[in-house]
Amino acid sequence: GQPHRTVARYQAGRSFNQIVQEEKKGDHVLVTEGIYQYLRHPSYFGWFWWSIGMACLLGNPITIGAFAYASWHFFADRIPFEEEALVKMFGQSYIEYRKRTPTGIPMIK
């Protein structure tokens, strides 16, 4: 998981931000190459699977379920919110990208 997050930050460069951007800045570009050609939100993918992996290390089924639920719920809310902003910023280019590129997180299209 963490390698996905690290590569995503590096490849997105100045377009990466921890806070969802609702307005396009001058140097903000839609990144669709590198790891982004395989995963629409590689940093979120990495965090989701990292959090579950850490819970698995604890060996407690309740913790695994709780981490999986909490992580999934967070991204199930955040991704649609962020993608609404990305459609406003990049229009049809983002819509096409979204159609062909999965999130890698179960049940989040």
C-alpha atoms as a PDB file:
ATOM      1  CA  GLY A   1       0.000   0.000   0.000  1.00  0.00           C
ATOM      2  CA  GLN A   2       2.616   2.568   0.996  1.00  0.00           C
ATOM      3  CA  PRO A   3       4.605   2.192  -2.255  1.00  0.00           C
ATOM      4  CA  HIS A   4       1.445   3.094  -4.190  1.00  0.00           C
ATOM      5  CA  ARG A   5       1.013   6.239  -2.104  1.00  0.00           C
ATOM      6  CA  THR A   6       4.638   7.263  -2.536  1.00  0.00           C
ATOM      7  CA  VAL A   7       4.676   6.696  -6.299  1.00  0.00           C
ATOM      8  CA  ALA A   8       1.346   8.517  -6.675  1.00  0.00           C
ATOM      9  CA  ARG A   9       2.667  11.612  -4.891  1.00  0.00           C
ATOM     10  CA  TYR A  10       5.849  11.607  -6.935  1.00  0.00           C
ATOM     11  CA  GLN A  11       4.162  11.106 -10.307  1.00  0.00           C
ATOM     12  CA  ALA A  12       1.419  13.672  -9.697  1.00  0.00           C
ATOM     13  CA  GLY A  13       3.974  16.277  -8.647  1.00  0.00           C
ATOM     14  CA  ARG A  14       2.455  19.702  -8.045  1.00  0.00           C
ATOM     15  CA  SER A  15      -1.017  18.376  -8.859  1.00  0.00           C
ATOM     16  CA  PHE A  16      -1.016  16.209  -5.691  1.00  0.00           C
ATOM     17  CA  ASN A  17      -2.588  17.668  -2.574  1.00  0.00           C
ATOM     18  CA  GLN A  18      -3.763  16.086   0.682  1.00  0.00           C
ATOM     19  CA  ILE A  19      -6.783  18.386   0.654  1.00  0.00           C
ATOM     20  CA  VAL A  20      -9.388  17.920  -2.078  1.00  0.00           C
ATOM     21  CA  GLN A  21      -9.045  20.871  -4.431  1.00  0.00           C
ATOM     22  CA  GLU A  22     -12.312  22.324  -5.652  1.00  0.00           C
ATOM     23  CA  GLU A  23     -10.784  24.852  -8.043  1.00  0.00           C
ATOM     24  CA  LYS A  24      -8.155  24.327 -10.704  1.00  0.00           C
ATOM     25  CA  LYS A  25      -4.916  26.132 -10.019  1.00  0.00           C
ATOM     26  CA  GLY A  26      -2.725  27.354 -12.860  1.00  0.00           C
ATOM     27  CA  ASP A  27      -0.298  24.423 -12.803  1.00  0.00           C
ATOM     28  CA  HIS A  28      -2.884  21.729 -11.944  1.00  0.00           C
ATOM     29  CA  VAL A  29      -2.971  19.007 -14.613  1.00  0.00           C
ATOM     30  CA  LEU A  30      -4.902  15.759 -14.987  1.00  0.00           C
ATOM     31  CA  VAL A  31      -2.346  12.994 -14.460  1.00  0.00           C
ATOM     32  CA  THR A  32      -3.280   9.820 -16.378  1.00  0.00           C
ATOM     33  CA  GLU A  33       0.092   8.174 -16.934  1.00  0.00           C
ATOM     34  CA  GLY A  34       2.407   6.073 -14.795  1.00  0.00           C
ATOM     35  CA  ILE A  35       0.597   4.489 -11.868  1.00  0.00           C
ATOM     36  CA  TYR A  36      -2.427   6.662 -12.708  1.00  0.00           C
ATOM     37  CA  GLN A  37      -3.041   4.706 -15.896  1.00  0.00           C
ATOM     38  CA  TYR A  38      -3.816   1.645 -13.747  1.00  0.00           C
ATOM     39  CA  LEU A  39      -5.501   3.214 -10.712  1.00  0.00           C
ATOM     40  CA  ARG A  40      -7.644   6.329 -10.631  1.00  0.00           C
ATOM     41  CA  HIS A  41      -6.747   7.138  -7.025  1.00  0.00           C
ATOM     42  CA  PRO A  42      -3.509   5.236  -6.334  1.00  0.00           C
ATOM     43  CA  SER A  43      -2.856   7.045  -3.064  1.00  0.00           C
ATOM     44  CA  TYR A  44      -6.312   6.093  -1.759  1.00  0.00           C
ATOM     45  CA  PHE A  45      -5.825   2.533  -3.031  1.00  0.00           C
ATOM     46  CA  GLY A  46      -2.541   2.363  -1.135  1.00  0.00           C
ATOM     47  CA  TRP A  47      -3.991   3.750   2.057  1.00  0.00           C
ATOM     48  CA  PHE A  48      -7.020   1.420   1.933  1.00  0.00           C
ATOM     49  CA  TRP A  49      -4.959  -1.744   1.524  1.00  0.00           C
ATOM     50  CA  TRP A  50      -2.208  -0.564   3.913  1.00  0.00           C
ATOM     51  CA  SER A  51      -4.746   0.030   6.689  1.00  0.00           C
ATOM     52  CA  ILE A  52      -6.241  -3.432   6.257  1.00  0.00           C
ATOM     53  CA  GLY A  53      -2.763  -4.966   6.126  1.00  0.00           C
ATOM     54  CA  MET A  54      -1.830  -3.305   9.397  1.00  0.00           C
ATOM     55  CA  ALA A  55      -5.033  -4.624  10.983  1.00  0.00           C
ATOM     56  CA  CYS A  56      -4.194  -8.130   9.720  1.00  0.00           C
ATOM     57  CA  LEU A  57      -0.859  -7.925  11.515  1.00  0.00           C
ATOM     58  CA  LEU A  58      -2.773  -7.528  14.764  1.00  0.00           C
ATOM     59  CA  GLY A  59      -4.495 -10.835  14.041  1.00  0.00           C
ATOM     60  CA  ASN A  60      -7.820  -9.740  15.479  1.00  0.00           C
ATOM     61  CA  PRO A  61     -10.806 -10.336  13.140  1.00  0.00           C
ATOM     62  CA  ILE A  62     -12.798  -7.534  14.779  1.00  0.00           C
ATOM     63  CA  THR A  63      -9.968  -5.065  14.148  1.00  0.00           C
ATOM     64  CA  ILE A  64      -9.636  -6.216  10.533  1.00  0.00           C
ATOM     65  CA  GLY A  65     -13.357  -5.721   9.965  1.00  0.00           C
ATOM     66  CA  ALA A  66     -13.363  -2.352  11.719  1.00  0.00           C
ATOM     67  CA  PHE A  67     -10.377  -1.043   9.731  1.00  0.00           C
ATOM     68  CA  ALA A  68     -11.837  -2.324   6.456  1.00  0.00           C
ATOM     69  CA  TYR A  69     -15.203  -0.714   7.181  1.00  0.00           C
ATOM     70  CA  ALA A  70     -13.776   2.611   8.366  1.00  0.00           C
ATOM     71  CA  SER A  71     -11.355   2.903   5.444  1.00  0.00           C
ATOM     72  CA  TRP A  72     -13.962   1.882   2.885  1.00  0.00           C
ATOM     73  CA  HIS A  73     -16.556   4.277   4.296  1.00  0.00           C
ATOM     74  CA  PHE A  74     -14.084   7.165   4.260  1.00  0.00           C
ATOM     75  CA  PHE A  75     -13.194   6.627   0.597  1.00  0.00           C
ATOM     76  CA  ALA A  76     -16.798   5.880  -0.426  1.00  0.00           C
ATOM     77  CA  ASP A  77     -17.563   9.456   0.706  1.00  0.00           C
ATOM     78  CA  ARG A  78     -14.348  11.175  -0.357  1.00  0.00           C
ATOM     79  CA  ILE A  79     -13.930   9.791  -3.884  1.00  0.00           C
ATOM     80  CA  PRO A  80     -17.331  10.951  -5.234  1.00  0.00           C
ATOM     81  CA  PHE A  81     -16.776  14.377  -3.659  1.00  0.00           C
ATOM     82  CA  GLU A  82     -13.330  14.686  -5.210  1.00  0.00           C
ATOM     83  CA  GLU A  83     -14.473  13.363  -8.564  1.00  0.00           C
ATOM     84  CA  GLU A  84     -17.248  15.927  -8.763  1.00  0.00           C
ATOM     85  CA  ALA A  85     -14.572  18.622  -8.458  1.00  0.00           C
ATOM     86  CA  LEU A  86     -12.346  16.863 -11.010  1.00  0.00           C
ATOM     87  CA  VAL A  87     -15.192  16.748 -13.543  1.00  0.00           C
ATOM     88  CA  LYS A  88     -15.696  20.501 -13.049  1.00  0.00           C
ATOM     89  CA  MET A  89     -11.969  21.110 -13.540  1.00  0.00           C
ATOM     90  CA  PHE A  90     -11.238  18.726 -16.411  1.00  0.00           C
ATOM     91  CA  GLY A  91     -14.639  18.011 -17.959  1.00  0.00           C
ATOM     92  CA  GLN A  92     -14.915  15.253 -20.536  1.00  0.00           C
ATOM     93  CA  SER A  93     -11.245  14.337 -20.156  1.00  0.00           C
ATOM     94  CA  TYR A  94     -11.864  13.265 -16.559  1.00  0.00           C
ATOM     95  CA  ILE A  95     -15.145  11.529 -17.404  1.00  0.00           C
ATOM     96  CA  GLU A  96     -13.372   9.385 -20.012  1.00  0.00           C
ATOM     97  CA  TYR A  97     -10.472   8.688 -17.634  1.00  0.00           C
ATOM     98  CA  ARG A  98     -12.926   7.636 -14.906  1.00  0.00           C
ATOM     99  CA  LYS A  99     -14.678   5.215 -17.290  1.00  0.00           C
ATOM    100  CA  ARG A 100     -11.496   3.350 -18.195  1.00  0.00           C
ATOM    101  CA  THR A 101      -9.566   3.440 -14.898  1.00  0.00           C
ATOM    102  CA  PRO A 102     -10.652   1.600 -11.710  1.00  0.00           C
ATOM    103  CA  THR A 103     -10.100   2.729  -8.127  1.00  0.00           C
ATOM    104  CA  GLY A 104      -8.889  -0.688  -6.958  1.00  0.00           C
ATOM    105  CA  ILE A 105     -11.080  -0.331  -3.868  1.00  0.00           C
ATOM    106  CA  PRO A 106     -13.922  -2.890  -3.705  1.00  0.00           C
ATOM    107  CA  MET A 107     -17.387  -1.577  -4.568  1.00  0.00           C
ATOM    108  CA  ILE A 108     -16.174   1.936  -5.353  1.00  0.00           C
ATOM    109  CA  LYS A 109     -16.502   2.411  -9.085  1.00  0.00           C
END
